[in-house]
Structure formats: structure tokens, C-alpha cells
Amino acid sequence: MHLVMTLLSLSPPTARPARLADRNLVTDVIWATAAPADRPEHVYARPTEGRLDIALFLLAADPQEAAPRHRPGGVWV
């Protein structure tokens, strides 16, 4: 098994002020919407000034299986 890390950094449009998000709420929403086939293992969210950083760790049998899980159009996009 392989553990694949995907990093996301979300920020609002520059015309809007950024608000700090509740990291527990963000991780709860991700866990609640993930299907067992997505194979999530760990989810971490860290709000910082002006953006929200998220780290997703997905379980995969091999690197080829894991690759489509984190590209545009994949499970988490």
C-alpha cells in the first residue's frame, strides 16, 4: 500500500476579505463527503491569514492507482 499526499491551498478572490475558517469544520465536511472508494486515510486543514491549507492523505495499492486521485477531474477536485 502507498500513502499519497495531496496539498491544496485555497484563497478567496482578492476583492473579498479573507476569513479564518474553522479547521475542524473543514475536515468534518471532507470526511462526511468522502466515499469509501476514495480511500481517505488522514485529512488536515490549517487556516492562515488569507488562505486555507489542506493536506489529504489517500491510500492506494500502487503509484499508478494513486495518480488519478489528485489531478484535475479526480476524486478530490
N, C-alpha and C. Protein backbone atom coordinates (compact mmCIF):
# COMPACT_ATOMS: atom_id res chain seq x y z
N MET A 1 0.83 -1.18 0.00
CA MET A 1 0.00 0.00 0.00
C MET A 1 0.88 1.25 0.00
N HIS A 2 0.34 2.28 -0.62
CA HIS A 2 1.04 3.56 -0.69
C HIS A 2 0.13 4.64 -0.11
N LEU A 3 0.73 5.57 0.59
CA LEU A 3 0.01 6.72 1.11
C LEU A 3 0.42 7.92 0.27
N VAL A 4 -0.55 8.52 -0.37
CA VAL A 4 -0.28 9.64 -1.28
C VAL A 4 -0.79 10.93 -0.65
N MET A 5 0.09 11.93 -0.58
CA MET A 5 -0.29 13.22 -0.02
C MET A 5 -0.64 14.19 -1.13
N THR A 6 -1.76 14.88 -0.96
CA THR A 6 -2.19 15.93 -1.88
C THR A 6 -2.34 17.21 -1.07
N LEU A 7 -1.71 18.27 -1.53
CA LEU A 7 -1.80 19.56 -0.83
C LEU A 7 -2.68 20.52 -1.62
N LEU A 8 -3.57 21.19 -0.91
CA LEU A 8 -4.43 22.20 -1.51
C LEU A 8 -4.25 23.49 -0.74
N SER A 9 -4.24 24.60 -1.45
CA SER A 9 -4.20 25.90 -0.82
C SER A 9 -5.31 26.73 -1.44
N LEU A 10 -6.31 27.08 -0.64
CA LEU A 10 -7.47 27.81 -1.12
C LEU A 10 -7.42 29.24 -0.62
N SER A 11 -7.71 30.19 -1.52
CA SER A 11 -7.74 31.59 -1.12
C SER A 11 -8.90 32.27 -1.84
N PRO A 12 -9.49 33.29 -1.21
CA PRO A 12 -10.63 33.98 -1.82
C PRO A 12 -10.16 34.94 -2.91
N PRO A 13 -11.09 35.40 -3.75
CA PRO A 13 -10.72 36.43 -4.73
C PRO A 13 -10.14 37.64 -3.98
N THR A 14 -9.25 38.36 -4.63
CA THR A 14 -8.57 39.47 -3.97
C THR A 14 -9.52 40.59 -3.57
N ALA A 15 -10.67 40.71 -4.23
CA ALA A 15 -11.62 41.77 -3.91
C ALA A 15 -12.38 41.51 -2.61
N ARG A 16 -12.32 40.29 -2.11
CA ARG A 16 -13.04 39.93 -0.89
C ARG A 16 -12.06 39.74 0.27
N PRO A 17 -12.44 40.19 1.44
CA PRO A 17 -11.56 39.96 2.60
C PRO A 17 -11.58 38.49 2.99
N ALA A 18 -10.46 37.99 3.40
CA ALA A 18 -10.35 36.59 3.80
C ALA A 18 -10.79 36.44 5.25
N ARG A 19 -11.45 35.32 5.53
CA ARG A 19 -11.84 34.99 6.90
C ARG A 19 -11.14 33.69 7.28
N LEU A 20 -10.80 33.57 8.55
CA LEU A 20 -10.21 32.32 9.01
C LEU A 20 -11.31 31.27 9.14
N ALA A 21 -11.09 30.12 8.55
CA ALA A 21 -12.06 29.03 8.60
C ALA A 21 -11.78 28.15 9.82
N ASP A 22 -12.81 27.50 10.30
CA ASP A 22 -12.68 26.55 11.40
C ASP A 22 -12.12 25.25 10.82
N ARG A 23 -10.92 24.89 11.20
CA ARG A 23 -10.28 23.71 10.61
C ARG A 23 -11.04 22.43 10.92
N ASN A 24 -11.67 22.35 12.08
CA ASN A 24 -12.46 21.16 12.42
C ASN A 24 -13.67 21.03 11.51
N LEU A 25 -14.31 22.15 11.21
CA LEU A 25 -15.46 22.12 10.30
C LEU A 25 -15.03 21.67 8.91
N VAL A 26 -13.91 22.19 8.44
CA VAL A 26 -13.41 21.82 7.10
C VAL A 26 -13.10 20.33 7.04
N THR A 27 -12.40 19.80 8.02
CA THR A 27 -12.08 18.37 7.99
C THR A 27 -13.33 17.51 8.14
N ASP A 28 -14.29 17.95 8.95
CA ASP A 28 -15.55 17.21 9.08
C ASP A 28 -16.31 17.15 7.76
N VAL A 29 -16.33 18.25 7.03
CA VAL A 29 -17.03 18.27 5.73
C VAL A 29 -16.34 17.32 4.74
N ILE A 30 -15.03 17.33 4.72
CA ILE A 30 -14.30 16.43 3.81
C ILE A 30 -14.58 14.97 4.17
N TRP A 31 -14.51 14.63 5.47
CA TRP A 31 -14.78 13.25 5.88
C TRP A 31 -16.22 12.86 5.56
N ALA A 32 -17.17 13.78 5.76
CA ALA A 32 -18.59 13.47 5.54
C ALA A 32 -18.91 13.25 4.06
N THR A 33 -18.16 13.88 3.18
CA THR A 33 -18.44 13.76 1.75
C THR A 33 -17.57 12.72 1.04
N ALA A 34 -16.59 12.19 1.72
CA ALA A 34 -15.71 11.19 1.10
C ALA A 34 -16.42 9.83 1.06
N ALA A 35 -16.29 9.16 -0.06
CA ALA A 35 -16.83 7.81 -0.21
C ALA A 35 -15.74 6.81 0.17
N PRO A 36 -16.11 5.61 0.61
CA PRO A 36 -15.10 4.60 0.93
C PRO A 36 -14.14 4.33 -0.23
N ALA A 37 -14.63 4.42 -1.46
CA ALA A 37 -13.78 4.19 -2.63
C ALA A 37 -12.71 5.26 -2.79
N ASP A 38 -12.90 6.43 -2.17
CA ASP A 38 -11.89 7.49 -2.22
C ASP A 38 -10.66 7.12 -1.41
N ARG A 39 -10.83 6.25 -0.43
CA ARG A 39 -9.78 5.72 0.43
C ARG A 39 -9.00 6.80 1.19
N PRO A 40 -9.74 7.73 1.81
CA PRO A 40 -9.02 8.74 2.62
C PRO A 40 -8.45 8.10 3.88
N GLU A 41 -7.28 8.52 4.25
CA GLU A 41 -6.61 7.99 5.45
C GLU A 41 -6.47 9.08 6.52
N HIS A 42 -6.05 10.27 6.11
CA HIS A 42 -5.89 11.40 7.02
C HIS A 42 -6.29 12.67 6.28
N VAL A 43 -6.84 13.62 7.02
CA VAL A 43 -7.18 14.94 6.48
C VAL A 43 -6.75 15.98 7.50
N TYR A 44 -5.98 16.95 7.06
CA TYR A 44 -5.54 18.04 7.93
C TYR A 44 -5.85 19.36 7.24
N ALA A 45 -6.39 20.31 8.00
CA ALA A 45 -6.65 21.65 7.47
C ALA A 45 -5.99 22.65 8.42
N ARG A 46 -5.42 23.70 7.81
CA ARG A 46 -4.77 24.73 8.61
C ARG A 46 -5.14 26.10 8.04
N PRO A 47 -5.98 26.83 8.76
CA PRO A 47 -6.30 28.19 8.30
C PRO A 47 -5.15 29.13 8.64
N THR A 48 -4.79 29.97 7.70
CA THR A 48 -3.80 31.02 7.93
C THR A 48 -4.39 32.30 7.36
N GLU A 49 -3.76 33.39 7.64
CA GLU A 49 -4.27 34.67 7.15
C GLU A 49 -4.32 34.69 5.62
N GLY A 50 -5.51 34.80 5.07
CA GLY A 50 -5.66 34.92 3.62
C GLY A 50 -5.79 33.61 2.87
N ARG A 51 -5.72 32.46 3.53
CA ARG A 51 -5.86 31.20 2.80
C ARG A 51 -6.15 30.03 3.75
N LEU A 52 -6.52 28.91 3.15
CA LEU A 52 -6.75 27.68 3.89
C LEU A 52 -5.91 26.59 3.25
N ASP A 53 -5.04 25.99 4.02
CA ASP A 53 -4.19 24.91 3.53
C ASP A 53 -4.79 23.58 3.97
N ILE A 54 -4.88 22.63 3.03
CA ILE A 54 -5.44 21.31 3.32
C ILE A 54 -4.46 20.26 2.82
N ALA A 55 -4.22 19.25 3.65
CA ALA A 55 -3.40 18.10 3.26
C ALA A 55 -4.30 16.87 3.31
N LEU A 56 -4.39 16.16 2.21
CA LEU A 56 -5.17 14.93 2.11
C LEU A 56 -4.21 13.77 1.92
N PHE A 57 -4.40 12.72 2.66
CA PHE A 57 -3.60 11.51 2.52
C PHE A 57 -4.54 10.39 2.08
N LEU A 58 -4.29 9.86 0.90
CA LEU A 58 -5.14 8.82 0.31
C LEU A 58 -4.36 7.52 0.22
N LEU A 59 -5.05 6.43 0.47
CA LEU A 59 -4.45 5.10 0.39
C LEU A 59 -4.59 4.57 -1.03
N ALA A 60 -3.52 3.99 -1.54
CA ALA A 60 -3.54 3.41 -2.88
C ALA A 60 -2.69 2.14 -2.89
N ALA A 61 -3.06 1.21 -3.74
CA ALA A 61 -2.31 -0.05 -3.82
C ALA A 61 -0.94 0.16 -4.44
N ASP A 62 -0.85 1.10 -5.38
CA ASP A 62 0.42 1.38 -6.05
C ASP A 62 0.38 2.81 -6.59
N PRO A 63 1.52 3.37 -7.04
CA PRO A 63 1.55 4.75 -7.53
C PRO A 63 0.62 4.99 -8.72
N GLN A 64 0.47 4.00 -9.58
CA GLN A 64 -0.40 4.18 -10.75
C GLN A 64 -1.86 4.36 -10.32
N GLU A 65 -2.27 3.63 -9.32
CA GLU A 65 -3.64 3.77 -8.81
C GLU A 65 -3.83 5.13 -8.14
N ALA A 66 -2.82 5.60 -7.48
CA ALA A 66 -2.93 6.85 -6.73
C ALA A 66 -2.93 8.08 -7.63
N ALA A 67 -2.23 8.06 -8.72
CA ALA A 67 -2.05 9.26 -9.55
C ALA A 67 -3.35 9.92 -9.97
N PRO A 68 -4.35 9.21 -10.47
CA PRO A 68 -5.58 9.90 -10.89
C PRO A 68 -6.37 10.51 -9.75
N ARG A 69 -6.09 10.13 -8.53
CA ARG A 69 -6.87 10.62 -7.39
C ARG A 69 -6.59 12.08 -7.05
N HIS A 70 -5.53 12.65 -7.53
CA HIS A 70 -5.23 14.02 -7.15
C HIS A 70 -4.99 14.96 -8.32
N ARG A 71 -5.44 14.60 -9.50
CA ARG A 71 -5.30 15.52 -10.62
C ARG A 71 -6.66 16.13 -10.93
N PRO A 72 -6.71 17.24 -11.69
CA PRO A 72 -7.99 17.87 -12.01
C PRO A 72 -8.97 16.84 -12.59
N GLY A 73 -10.18 16.89 -12.09
CA GLY A 73 -11.19 15.94 -12.53
C GLY A 73 -11.22 14.68 -11.69
N GLY A 74 -10.27 14.56 -10.74
CA GLY A 74 -10.20 13.38 -9.90
C GLY A 74 -11.18 13.46 -8.74
N VAL A 75 -11.04 12.57 -7.82
CA VAL A 75 -11.97 12.41 -6.70
C VAL A 75 -12.08 13.69 -5.87
N TRP A 76 -10.97 14.33 -5.56
CA TRP A 76 -10.98 15.44 -4.60
C TRP A 76 -11.06 16.81 -5.22
N VAL A 77 -11.18 16.91 -6.51
CA VAL A 77 -11.20 18.24 -7.15
C VAL A 77 -12.62 18.68 -7.36
